[in-house]
N, C-alpha and C. Protein backbone atom coordinates (compact mmCIF):
# COMPACT_ATOMS: atom_id res chain seq x y z
N MET A 1 145.60 84.57 105.72
CA MET A 1 145.54 85.77 106.56
C MET A 1 144.27 86.58 106.26
N LEU A 2 143.99 86.70 104.98
CA LEU A 2 142.79 87.45 104.60
C LEU A 2 141.54 86.79 105.15
N PHE A 3 141.53 85.45 105.13
CA PHE A 3 140.39 84.71 105.65
C PHE A 3 140.21 84.96 107.14
N LEU A 4 141.32 84.93 107.89
CA LEU A 4 141.27 85.17 109.33
C LEU A 4 140.80 86.59 109.63
N PHE A 5 141.25 87.54 108.80
CA PHE A 5 140.84 88.93 108.99
C PHE A 5 139.32 89.08 108.80
N ILE A 6 138.80 88.40 107.79
CA ILE A 6 137.36 88.47 107.52
C ILE A 6 136.58 87.86 108.68
N ILE A 7 137.07 86.71 109.20
CA ILE A 7 136.40 86.06 110.33
C ILE A 7 136.38 86.97 111.54
N LYS A 8 137.53 87.57 111.85
CA LYS A 8 137.62 88.46 113.01
C LYS A 8 136.69 89.67 112.85
N PHE A 9 136.67 90.23 111.64
CA PHE A 9 135.82 91.39 111.37
C PHE A 9 134.35 91.02 111.55
N PHE A 10 133.99 89.85 111.04
CA PHE A 10 132.60 89.40 111.12
C PHE A 10 132.18 89.21 112.58
N ILE A 11 133.07 88.53 113.38
CA ILE A 11 132.75 88.27 114.79
C ILE A 11 132.65 89.58 115.55
N LYS A 12 133.57 90.50 115.28
CA LYS A 12 133.59 91.78 115.98
C LYS A 12 132.32 92.57 115.74
N ASN A 13 131.79 92.46 114.52
CA ASN A 13 130.61 93.25 114.16
C ASN A 13 129.33 92.42 114.11
N LEU A 14 129.42 91.22 114.69
CA LEU A 14 128.28 90.31 114.62
C LEU A 14 127.03 90.92 115.26
N VAL A 15 127.20 91.56 116.40
CA VAL A 15 126.06 92.14 117.11
C VAL A 15 125.40 93.23 116.26
N ASP A 16 126.25 94.11 115.68
CA ASP A 16 125.70 95.18 114.84
C ASP A 16 124.97 94.62 113.63
N ILE A 17 125.56 93.59 113.02
CA ILE A 17 124.92 92.98 111.85
C ILE A 17 123.58 92.35 112.24
N PHE A 18 123.56 91.68 113.40
CA PHE A 18 122.34 91.04 113.88
C PHE A 18 121.24 92.07 114.14
N ILE A 19 121.61 93.15 114.83
CA ILE A 19 120.63 94.20 115.15
C ILE A 19 120.08 94.82 113.87
N TYR A 20 120.98 95.09 112.91
CA TYR A 20 120.54 95.68 111.64
C TYR A 20 119.61 94.72 110.91
N GLY A 21 119.97 93.42 110.95
CA GLY A 21 119.17 92.42 110.24
C GLY A 21 117.75 92.31 110.78
N ILE A 22 117.63 92.28 112.12
CA ILE A 22 116.28 92.13 112.68
C ILE A 22 115.46 93.41 112.53
N ASN A 23 116.14 94.53 112.27
CA ASN A 23 115.43 95.80 112.12
C ASN A 23 115.00 96.08 110.69
N ILE A 24 115.46 95.27 109.74
CA ILE A 24 115.11 95.51 108.33
C ILE A 24 113.59 95.51 108.12
N PRO A 25 112.84 94.53 108.69
CA PRO A 25 111.37 94.59 108.50
C PRO A 25 110.76 95.87 109.06
N TYR A 26 111.27 96.34 110.19
CA TYR A 26 110.73 97.56 110.78
C TYR A 26 111.08 98.78 109.94
N ILE A 27 112.29 98.77 109.36
CA ILE A 27 112.70 99.87 108.48
C ILE A 27 111.80 99.91 107.25
N MET A 28 111.56 98.72 106.65
CA MET A 28 110.69 98.66 105.48
C MET A 28 109.27 99.08 105.84
N PHE A 29 108.80 98.67 107.03
CA PHE A 29 107.47 99.05 107.48
C PHE A 29 107.36 100.56 107.64
N ALA A 30 108.41 101.16 108.25
CA ALA A 30 108.41 102.61 108.45
C ALA A 30 108.43 103.35 107.12
N MET A 31 109.21 102.82 106.15
CA MET A 31 109.26 103.44 104.83
C MET A 31 107.90 103.37 104.14
N ARG A 32 107.24 102.22 104.28
CA ARG A 32 105.91 102.07 103.67
C ARG A 32 104.92 103.03 104.30
N LYS A 33 104.98 103.16 105.63
CA LYS A 33 104.09 104.08 106.32
C LYS A 33 104.35 105.52 105.87
N SER A 34 105.62 105.87 105.73
CA SER A 34 105.96 107.23 105.28
C SER A 34 105.43 107.48 103.88
N LEU A 35 105.54 106.46 103.01
CA LEU A 35 105.02 106.59 101.65
C LEU A 35 103.51 106.76 101.66
N GLU A 36 102.81 105.97 102.49
CA GLU A 36 101.36 106.09 102.58
C GLU A 36 100.95 107.47 103.07
N LEU A 37 101.65 107.98 104.08
CA LEU A 37 101.33 109.30 104.61
C LEU A 37 101.56 110.38 103.56
N SER A 38 102.66 110.25 102.81
CA SER A 38 102.96 111.24 101.77
C SER A 38 101.91 111.21 100.67
N LEU A 39 101.54 110.00 100.23
CA LEU A 39 100.53 109.88 99.18
C LEU A 39 99.18 110.41 99.66
N THR A 40 98.84 110.08 100.90
CA THR A 40 97.57 110.55 101.46
C THR A 40 97.52 112.07 101.50
N ALA A 41 98.60 112.68 102.00
CA ALA A 41 98.65 114.14 102.08
C ALA A 41 98.55 114.78 100.70
N LEU A 42 99.27 114.21 99.73
CA LEU A 42 99.25 114.76 98.37
C LEU A 42 97.85 114.65 97.75
N LEU A 43 97.24 113.48 97.85
CA LEU A 43 95.94 113.26 97.21
C LEU A 43 94.82 114.03 97.91
N VAL A 44 94.88 114.12 99.23
CA VAL A 44 93.90 114.93 99.95
C VAL A 44 94.05 116.39 99.55
N GLY A 45 95.29 116.86 99.46
CA GLY A 45 95.52 118.25 99.05
C GLY A 45 94.97 118.55 97.67
N LEU A 46 95.19 117.63 96.72
CA LEU A 46 94.66 117.83 95.37
C LEU A 46 93.14 117.81 95.36
N SER A 47 92.55 116.89 96.10
CA SER A 47 91.09 116.79 96.17
C SER A 47 90.48 118.07 96.73
N VAL A 48 91.04 118.55 97.83
CA VAL A 48 90.53 119.78 98.46
C VAL A 48 90.72 120.97 97.52
N LEU A 49 91.87 121.05 96.88
CA LEU A 49 92.15 122.16 95.96
C LEU A 49 91.15 122.19 94.82
N PHE A 50 90.92 121.06 94.16
CA PHE A 50 90.01 121.02 93.02
C PHE A 50 88.58 121.33 93.46
N ARG A 51 88.16 120.77 94.58
CA ARG A 51 86.78 121.03 95.04
C ARG A 51 86.59 122.49 95.42
N TYR A 52 87.56 123.04 96.12
CA TYR A 52 87.45 124.44 96.54
C TYR A 52 87.48 125.37 95.32
N ALA A 53 88.38 125.09 94.37
CA ALA A 53 88.47 125.92 93.16
C ALA A 53 87.18 125.85 92.36
N LYS A 54 86.60 124.66 92.25
CA LYS A 54 85.32 124.52 91.54
C LYS A 54 84.25 125.34 92.22
N ASN A 55 84.24 125.33 93.55
CA ASN A 55 83.22 126.02 94.31
C ASN A 55 83.36 127.54 94.20
N VAL A 56 84.55 128.03 93.90
CA VAL A 56 84.75 129.47 93.70
C VAL A 56 83.97 129.94 92.48
N PHE A 57 83.92 129.09 91.44
CA PHE A 57 83.25 129.47 90.20
C PHE A 57 81.77 129.10 90.20
N THR A 58 81.43 127.97 90.81
CA THR A 58 80.02 127.56 90.85
C THR A 58 79.80 126.59 92.00
N THR A 59 78.63 126.70 92.62
CA THR A 59 78.28 125.75 93.68
C THR A 59 77.60 124.51 93.12
N VAL A 60 77.32 124.51 91.82
CA VAL A 60 76.71 123.33 91.19
C VAL A 60 77.75 122.22 91.12
N GLN A 61 77.39 121.06 91.59
CA GLN A 61 78.32 119.93 91.57
C GLN A 61 78.19 119.17 90.26
N PHE A 62 79.11 119.41 89.34
CA PHE A 62 79.10 118.69 88.08
C PHE A 62 80.14 117.57 88.07
N VAL A 63 81.00 117.53 89.09
CA VAL A 63 81.94 116.43 89.28
C VAL A 63 82.25 116.34 90.77
N ASN A 64 82.34 115.13 91.28
CA ASN A 64 82.61 114.92 92.70
C ASN A 64 84.10 114.61 92.88
N PHE A 65 84.88 115.66 93.14
CA PHE A 65 86.33 115.49 93.24
C PHE A 65 86.77 114.61 94.40
N PRO A 66 86.16 114.71 95.60
CA PRO A 66 86.57 113.79 96.67
C PRO A 66 86.40 112.32 96.29
N LEU A 67 85.32 112.00 95.56
CA LEU A 67 85.13 110.61 95.14
C LEU A 67 86.11 110.21 94.05
N VAL A 68 86.44 111.14 93.16
CA VAL A 68 87.46 110.85 92.15
C VAL A 68 88.74 110.38 92.83
N PHE A 69 89.19 111.16 93.80
CA PHE A 69 90.48 110.87 94.41
C PHE A 69 90.42 109.70 95.39
N CYS A 70 89.28 109.48 96.06
CA CYS A 70 89.24 108.36 97.01
C CYS A 70 89.14 107.02 96.28
N ILE A 71 88.38 106.96 95.19
CA ILE A 71 88.31 105.72 94.40
C ILE A 71 89.66 105.43 93.77
N PHE A 72 90.25 106.45 93.17
CA PHE A 72 91.57 106.33 92.55
C PHE A 72 92.61 105.90 93.59
N SER A 73 92.57 106.50 94.78
CA SER A 73 93.54 106.20 95.83
C SER A 73 93.39 104.77 96.34
N GLY A 74 92.15 104.37 96.59
CA GLY A 74 91.92 103.01 97.05
C GLY A 74 92.38 101.98 96.03
N LEU A 75 92.11 102.25 94.77
CA LEU A 75 92.45 101.32 93.69
C LEU A 75 93.96 101.13 93.56
N PHE A 76 94.71 102.22 93.59
CA PHE A 76 96.14 102.15 93.32
C PHE A 76 97.02 102.07 94.56
N PHE A 77 96.55 102.58 95.69
CA PHE A 77 97.43 102.67 96.85
C PHE A 77 96.89 101.96 98.08
N GLY A 78 95.76 101.26 97.96
CA GLY A 78 95.29 100.44 99.05
C GLY A 78 94.13 101.05 99.83
N SER A 79 93.50 100.20 100.62
CA SER A 79 92.27 100.59 101.31
C SER A 79 92.50 101.66 102.37
N ARG A 80 93.66 101.62 103.06
CA ARG A 80 93.92 102.63 104.10
C ARG A 80 94.02 104.02 103.49
N VAL A 81 94.76 104.13 102.39
CA VAL A 81 94.89 105.42 101.72
C VAL A 81 93.55 105.85 101.14
N GLY A 82 92.81 104.91 100.56
CA GLY A 82 91.50 105.22 99.99
C GLY A 82 90.54 105.77 101.03
N PHE A 83 90.50 105.13 102.20
CA PHE A 83 89.61 105.61 103.26
C PHE A 83 90.05 106.99 103.75
N ALA A 84 91.34 107.15 103.99
CA ALA A 84 91.84 108.43 104.52
C ALA A 84 91.59 109.57 103.55
N VAL A 85 91.82 109.32 102.26
CA VAL A 85 91.61 110.37 101.25
C VAL A 85 90.13 110.74 101.17
N GLY A 86 89.25 109.75 101.13
CA GLY A 86 87.82 110.04 101.07
C GLY A 86 87.33 110.79 102.29
N PHE A 87 87.72 110.34 103.46
CA PHE A 87 87.26 110.95 104.71
C PHE A 87 87.81 112.37 104.87
N LEU A 88 89.12 112.53 104.73
CA LEU A 88 89.74 113.84 104.97
C LEU A 88 89.40 114.86 103.89
N SER A 89 89.20 114.40 102.66
CA SER A 89 88.87 115.33 101.57
C SER A 89 87.58 116.08 101.88
N TYR A 90 86.56 115.34 102.33
CA TYR A 90 85.29 115.99 102.66
C TYR A 90 85.38 116.83 103.92
N VAL A 91 86.06 116.32 104.94
CA VAL A 91 86.16 117.07 106.20
C VAL A 91 86.85 118.41 105.97
N ILE A 92 88.00 118.39 105.32
CA ILE A 92 88.78 119.63 105.15
C ILE A 92 88.09 120.59 104.19
N SER A 93 87.64 120.08 103.03
CA SER A 93 87.02 120.98 102.05
C SER A 93 85.70 121.55 102.56
N ASP A 94 84.93 120.76 103.30
CA ASP A 94 83.68 121.28 103.87
C ASP A 94 83.95 122.38 104.89
N PHE A 95 84.98 122.23 105.69
CA PHE A 95 85.29 123.27 106.67
C PHE A 95 85.79 124.54 105.99
N LEU A 96 86.30 124.43 104.77
CA LEU A 96 86.68 125.61 104.00
C LEU A 96 85.48 126.23 103.29
N ILE A 97 84.49 125.40 102.94
CA ILE A 97 83.33 125.88 102.18
C ILE A 97 82.14 126.14 103.09
N LEU A 98 81.58 125.09 103.66
CA LEU A 98 80.42 125.23 104.56
C LEU A 98 80.24 123.92 105.32
N PRO A 99 80.70 123.84 106.57
CA PRO A 99 80.55 122.61 107.34
C PRO A 99 79.14 122.45 107.89
N GLY A 100 78.78 121.24 108.15
CA GLY A 100 77.47 120.95 108.73
C GLY A 100 77.36 119.47 109.01
N VAL A 101 76.16 119.01 109.33
CA VAL A 101 75.97 117.60 109.61
C VAL A 101 76.31 116.75 108.39
N TRP A 102 76.12 117.32 107.19
CA TRP A 102 76.45 116.62 105.94
C TRP A 102 77.93 116.31 105.84
N THR A 103 78.76 117.10 106.52
CA THR A 103 80.20 116.87 106.48
C THR A 103 80.54 115.48 106.99
N PHE A 104 79.96 115.09 108.10
CA PHE A 104 80.27 113.80 108.70
C PHE A 104 79.64 112.66 107.91
N VAL A 105 78.45 112.89 107.38
CA VAL A 105 77.80 111.87 106.56
C VAL A 105 78.61 111.60 105.30
N ASN A 106 78.93 112.66 104.56
CA ASN A 106 79.65 112.51 103.30
C ASN A 106 81.06 111.98 103.49
N SER A 107 81.74 112.45 104.54
CA SER A 107 83.12 112.01 104.77
C SER A 107 83.18 110.52 105.10
N LEU A 108 82.25 110.05 105.91
CA LEU A 108 82.24 108.62 106.25
C LEU A 108 81.88 107.76 105.04
N LEU A 109 80.91 108.21 104.25
CA LEU A 109 80.53 107.45 103.06
C LEU A 109 81.66 107.42 102.04
N ALA A 110 82.32 108.56 101.83
CA ALA A 110 83.44 108.61 100.89
C ALA A 110 84.59 107.73 101.38
N GLY A 111 84.85 107.76 102.68
CA GLY A 111 85.89 106.89 103.23
C GLY A 111 85.58 105.43 103.01
N LEU A 112 84.31 105.06 103.19
CA LEU A 112 83.89 103.67 102.98
C LEU A 112 84.07 103.25 101.53
N ILE A 113 83.73 104.14 100.60
CA ILE A 113 83.90 103.83 99.18
C ILE A 113 85.38 103.65 98.85
N GLY A 114 86.24 104.54 99.36
CA GLY A 114 87.68 104.38 99.14
C GLY A 114 88.21 103.08 99.71
N LEU A 115 87.70 102.70 100.88
CA LEU A 115 88.10 101.45 101.53
C LEU A 115 87.71 100.25 100.68
N LEU A 116 86.47 100.23 100.19
CA LEU A 116 85.98 99.10 99.40
C LEU A 116 86.71 98.99 98.07
N TRP A 117 87.01 100.12 97.44
CA TRP A 117 87.75 100.07 96.18
C TRP A 117 89.18 99.58 96.40
N GLY A 118 89.73 99.86 97.58
CA GLY A 118 91.05 99.34 97.89
C GLY A 118 91.06 97.83 98.06
N ILE A 119 89.94 97.27 98.50
CA ILE A 119 89.85 95.83 98.71
C ILE A 119 89.45 95.09 97.44
N LEU A 120 88.48 95.64 96.70
CA LEU A 120 87.87 94.91 95.60
C LEU A 120 88.18 95.46 94.22
N GLY A 121 88.60 96.71 94.14
CA GLY A 121 88.64 97.40 92.85
C GLY A 121 89.59 96.83 91.83
N LYS A 122 90.74 96.29 92.27
CA LYS A 122 91.76 95.85 91.32
C LYS A 122 91.28 94.68 90.45
N ARG A 123 90.19 94.02 90.87
CA ARG A 123 89.67 92.90 90.09
C ARG A 123 88.97 93.36 88.81
N PHE A 124 88.59 94.64 88.76
CA PHE A 124 87.71 95.08 87.67
C PHE A 124 88.36 96.04 86.68
N ILE A 125 89.56 96.54 86.98
CA ILE A 125 90.13 97.58 86.13
C ILE A 125 90.43 97.07 84.73
N ARG A 126 90.67 95.78 84.57
CA ARG A 126 90.98 95.23 83.25
C ARG A 126 89.76 95.22 82.32
N TYR A 127 88.58 95.23 82.90
CA TYR A 127 87.35 95.14 82.11
C TYR A 127 86.75 96.53 81.98
N ARG A 128 86.94 97.15 80.83
CA ARG A 128 86.68 98.58 80.68
C ARG A 128 85.23 98.96 80.96
N ILE A 129 84.29 98.28 80.33
CA ILE A 129 82.88 98.64 80.51
C ILE A 129 82.43 98.37 81.94
N GLU A 130 82.78 97.19 82.45
CA GLU A 130 82.39 96.85 83.83
C GLU A 130 83.00 97.83 84.83
N PHE A 131 84.24 98.22 84.58
CA PHE A 131 84.92 99.15 85.47
C PHE A 131 84.19 100.49 85.51
N PHE A 132 83.83 101.02 84.34
CA PHE A 132 83.11 102.29 84.29
C PHE A 132 81.76 102.17 85.00
N VAL A 133 81.05 101.08 84.74
CA VAL A 133 79.73 100.89 85.35
C VAL A 133 79.84 100.82 86.87
N LEU A 134 80.85 100.13 87.39
CA LEU A 134 81.01 100.01 88.83
C LEU A 134 81.38 101.33 89.48
N VAL A 135 82.22 102.11 88.80
CA VAL A 135 82.54 103.45 89.32
C VAL A 135 81.27 104.31 89.33
N PHE A 136 80.51 104.25 88.24
CA PHE A 136 79.26 105.00 88.15
C PHE A 136 78.31 104.61 89.28
N LEU A 137 78.17 103.30 89.51
CA LEU A 137 77.28 102.83 90.58
C LEU A 137 77.78 103.26 91.96
N SER A 138 79.10 103.31 92.13
CA SER A 138 79.66 103.76 93.41
C SER A 138 79.26 105.20 93.70
N VAL A 139 79.38 106.05 92.68
CA VAL A 139 79.01 107.46 92.85
C VAL A 139 77.50 107.60 93.03
N PHE A 140 76.75 106.81 92.25
CA PHE A 140 75.28 106.84 92.35
C PHE A 140 74.82 106.44 93.76
N LEU A 141 75.37 105.35 94.27
CA LEU A 141 74.99 104.88 95.61
C LEU A 141 75.43 105.86 96.69
N PHE A 142 76.56 106.52 96.48
CA PHE A 142 76.99 107.56 97.42
C PHE A 142 75.96 108.68 97.46
N ASP A 143 75.53 109.14 96.29
CA ASP A 143 74.56 110.23 96.24
C ASP A 143 73.23 109.83 96.89
N ILE A 144 72.77 108.61 96.59
CA ILE A 144 71.52 108.14 97.18
C ILE A 144 71.65 108.03 98.70
N ALA A 145 72.71 107.38 99.15
CA ALA A 145 72.89 107.14 100.59
C ALA A 145 73.02 108.44 101.36
N SER A 146 73.81 109.38 100.83
CA SER A 146 74.00 110.65 101.54
C SER A 146 72.69 111.42 101.63
N SER A 147 71.91 111.43 100.54
CA SER A 147 70.63 112.13 100.55
C SER A 147 69.65 111.49 101.53
N VAL A 148 69.55 110.16 101.48
CA VAL A 148 68.61 109.45 102.35
C VAL A 148 68.96 109.67 103.82
N ILE A 149 70.24 109.56 104.16
CA ILE A 149 70.66 109.74 105.56
C ILE A 149 70.36 111.15 106.04
N LEU A 150 70.64 112.14 105.20
CA LEU A 150 70.38 113.53 105.59
C LEU A 150 68.89 113.79 105.74
N TYR A 151 68.07 113.25 104.83
CA TYR A 151 66.62 113.41 104.97
C TYR A 151 66.12 112.75 106.26
N LEU A 152 66.68 111.60 106.60
CA LEU A 152 66.30 110.94 107.85
C LEU A 152 66.68 111.79 109.06
N ILE A 153 67.86 112.39 109.00
CA ILE A 153 68.30 113.25 110.10
C ILE A 153 67.35 114.44 110.26
N PHE A 154 66.86 114.96 109.14
CA PHE A 154 65.97 116.12 109.17
C PHE A 154 64.51 115.74 109.43
N GLY A 155 64.23 114.46 109.73
CA GLY A 155 62.91 114.08 110.19
C GLY A 155 62.02 113.38 109.18
N PHE A 156 62.50 113.08 107.98
CA PHE A 156 61.68 112.37 107.00
C PHE A 156 61.55 110.90 107.40
N SER A 157 60.48 110.27 106.95
CA SER A 157 60.36 108.82 107.12
C SER A 157 61.32 108.14 106.15
N LEU A 158 61.58 106.86 106.38
CA LEU A 158 62.53 106.14 105.53
C LEU A 158 62.06 106.12 104.08
N LEU A 159 60.77 105.85 103.86
CA LEU A 159 60.24 105.81 102.49
C LEU A 159 60.34 107.17 101.82
N ASP A 160 59.91 108.22 102.52
CA ASP A 160 59.98 109.57 101.95
C ASP A 160 61.43 109.97 101.68
N ALA A 161 62.32 109.62 102.59
CA ALA A 161 63.73 109.97 102.40
C ALA A 161 64.30 109.29 101.16
N PHE A 162 63.93 108.04 100.95
CA PHE A 162 64.43 107.31 99.78
C PHE A 162 63.85 107.90 98.50
N VAL A 163 62.55 108.16 98.49
CA VAL A 163 61.90 108.71 97.29
C VAL A 163 62.49 110.06 96.93
N TRP A 164 62.58 110.97 97.90
CA TRP A 164 63.14 112.29 97.63
C TRP A 164 64.62 112.21 97.27
N GLY A 165 65.33 111.26 97.86
CA GLY A 165 66.74 111.09 97.53
C GLY A 165 66.96 110.70 96.09
N VAL A 166 66.11 109.79 95.59
CA VAL A 166 66.22 109.36 94.19
C VAL A 166 65.73 110.44 93.25
N VAL A 167 64.58 111.03 93.54
CA VAL A 167 64.01 112.07 92.68
C VAL A 167 64.96 113.26 92.58
N GLY A 168 65.61 113.60 93.69
CA GLY A 168 66.50 114.76 93.71
C GLY A 168 67.71 114.64 92.80
N LEU A 169 68.05 113.42 92.40
CA LEU A 169 69.16 113.24 91.47
C LEU A 169 68.78 113.65 90.05
N PHE A 170 67.50 113.59 89.74
CA PHE A 170 67.05 113.83 88.37
C PHE A 170 66.26 115.13 88.21
N LEU A 171 65.53 115.51 89.25
CA LEU A 171 64.69 116.70 89.17
C LEU A 171 65.02 117.65 90.31
N PRO A 172 64.82 118.96 90.09
CA PRO A 172 65.08 119.93 91.16
C PRO A 172 64.05 119.81 92.28
N VAL A 173 64.52 119.69 93.51
CA VAL A 173 63.63 119.61 94.67
C VAL A 173 64.10 120.60 95.72
N PHE A 174 63.16 121.10 96.51
CA PHE A 174 63.46 122.01 97.62
C PHE A 174 64.31 123.20 97.18
N GLY A 175 63.88 123.84 96.11
CA GLY A 175 64.55 125.06 95.68
C GLY A 175 65.58 124.88 94.60
N GLY A 176 65.82 123.64 94.16
CA GLY A 176 66.78 123.42 93.09
C GLY A 176 66.26 123.92 91.76
N LYS A 177 67.16 124.11 90.80
CA LYS A 177 66.78 124.65 89.51
C LYS A 177 67.19 123.77 88.33
N LEU A 178 68.20 122.94 88.51
CA LEU A 178 68.75 122.19 87.40
C LEU A 178 68.18 120.78 87.34
N ILE A 179 68.07 120.26 86.12
CA ILE A 179 67.55 118.92 85.89
C ILE A 179 68.71 117.99 85.53
N GLY A 180 68.70 116.79 86.10
CA GLY A 180 69.68 115.78 85.74
C GLY A 180 71.08 116.00 86.28
N VAL A 181 71.20 116.76 87.37
CA VAL A 181 72.54 117.03 87.93
C VAL A 181 73.18 115.74 88.42
N GLY A 182 72.38 114.85 89.00
CA GLY A 182 72.91 113.59 89.53
C GLY A 182 73.61 112.75 88.47
N PRO A 183 72.92 112.37 87.40
CA PRO A 183 73.58 111.56 86.36
C PRO A 183 74.77 112.25 85.72
N ILE A 184 74.69 113.59 85.56
CA ILE A 184 75.83 114.32 84.99
C ILE A 184 77.04 114.19 85.90
N THR A 185 76.82 114.39 87.20
CA THR A 185 77.91 114.27 88.17
C THR A 185 78.49 112.86 88.18
N GLU A 186 77.62 111.87 88.19
CA GLU A 186 78.08 110.48 88.24
C GLU A 186 78.86 110.11 86.98
N ALA A 187 78.39 110.55 85.82
CA ALA A 187 79.07 110.23 84.57
C ALA A 187 80.42 110.92 84.48
N SER A 188 80.49 112.21 84.81
CA SER A 188 81.75 112.94 84.71
C SER A 188 82.77 112.43 85.72
N THR A 189 82.31 112.13 86.94
CA THR A 189 83.21 111.58 87.96
C THR A 189 83.76 110.23 87.52
N SER A 190 82.90 109.39 86.98
CA SER A 190 83.32 108.07 86.52
C SER A 190 84.31 108.17 85.37
N PHE A 191 84.06 109.09 84.45
CA PHE A 191 84.96 109.25 83.31
C PHE A 191 86.36 109.66 83.77
N ILE A 192 86.44 110.59 84.71
CA ILE A 192 87.75 111.05 85.19
C ILE A 192 88.49 109.91 85.89
N VAL A 193 87.78 109.17 86.75
CA VAL A 193 88.41 108.04 87.45
C VAL A 193 88.93 107.02 86.45
N CYS A 194 88.12 106.66 85.47
CA CYS A 194 88.52 105.66 84.48
C CYS A 194 89.67 106.15 83.63
N PHE A 195 89.63 107.41 83.22
CA PHE A 195 90.70 107.96 82.39
C PHE A 195 92.04 107.92 83.14
N LEU A 196 92.04 108.39 84.38
CA LEU A 196 93.27 108.39 85.17
C LEU A 196 93.77 106.96 85.41
N SER A 197 92.86 106.06 85.71
CA SER A 197 93.25 104.68 86.01
C SER A 197 93.81 103.99 84.78
N TRP A 198 93.17 104.16 83.64
CA TRP A 198 93.65 103.50 82.43
C TRP A 198 94.96 104.09 81.95
N GLU A 199 95.17 105.39 82.14
CA GLU A 199 96.44 106.00 81.76
C GLU A 199 97.58 105.45 82.61
N LEU A 200 97.34 105.27 83.89
CA LEU A 200 98.38 104.69 84.75
C LEU A 200 98.59 103.22 84.43
N GLU A 201 97.51 102.54 84.08
CA GLU A 201 97.62 101.13 83.71
C GLU A 201 98.52 100.97 82.49
N LYS A 202 98.37 101.85 81.50
CA LYS A 202 99.20 101.79 80.30
C LYS A 202 100.68 101.93 80.64
N ARG A 203 100.97 102.68 81.69
CA ARG A 203 102.35 102.93 82.09
C ARG A 203 102.87 101.89 83.08
N GLY A 204 102.07 100.85 83.31
CA GLY A 204 102.52 99.75 84.16
C GLY A 204 102.55 100.06 85.63
N VAL A 205 101.76 101.03 86.06
CA VAL A 205 101.73 101.38 87.48
C VAL A 205 101.03 100.27 88.26
N TYR A 206 101.52 99.99 89.45
CA TYR A 206 100.97 98.93 90.29
C TYR A 206 99.57 99.29 90.75
N VAL A 207 98.71 98.31 90.75
CA VAL A 207 97.35 98.48 91.27
C VAL A 207 97.22 97.66 92.54
N GLY A 208 96.96 98.32 93.65
CA GLY A 208 96.80 97.62 94.91
C GLY A 208 98.01 96.79 95.30
N GLY A 209 99.20 97.24 94.87
CA GLY A 209 100.42 96.53 95.23
C GLY A 209 100.75 95.39 94.29
N GLU A 210 99.95 95.18 93.23
CA GLU A 210 100.21 94.11 92.29
C GLU A 210 100.42 94.67 90.89
N LYS A 211 101.30 94.03 90.12
CA LYS A 211 101.56 94.50 88.77
C LYS A 211 100.38 94.17 87.88
N ILE A 212 99.99 95.14 87.05
CA ILE A 212 98.89 94.90 86.10
C ILE A 212 99.29 93.80 85.12
């Protein structure tokens, strides 16, 4: 009797079970999307908060918070989150501080860096020195590229834009006063990214969806 009851119950609810079964992938997809949106909102908020708070005390950039969070986001949460965090961090914080043509240049470059770290970054986190060097180079190339593009927009030739872009990282140009701001920013940004990444690695946090 119990067997017949189970059969009848199963047949009666077969349609509901079938519908629920085929919807499981969509439910999981929706949950993943919700998690990505939540992580993106949280990390963008932190990036904007830190950058804006730093700017209240000084306009000197001694650490690039949008790059900290976009590299970190791409590495641990994937390329989509990395791109979104990099792009939105610059767009929102610039509109709070001072928007301009640099907003679109920096936001696109930061988004690209977050995207690339989401695709390639998990291969390097195990190698401490190489990981730090690659983060440093990412920030360095961001600074060079953003400067060169902006100089080109303002009418410089490609060669002049590149020369001034590189020199400006080490020496004050066009009214600047501080020496070596570029390397200081790149080193401090890289240190923060590496410290956060290695601390999460110790705790067994997933990198790019894979267990360390």
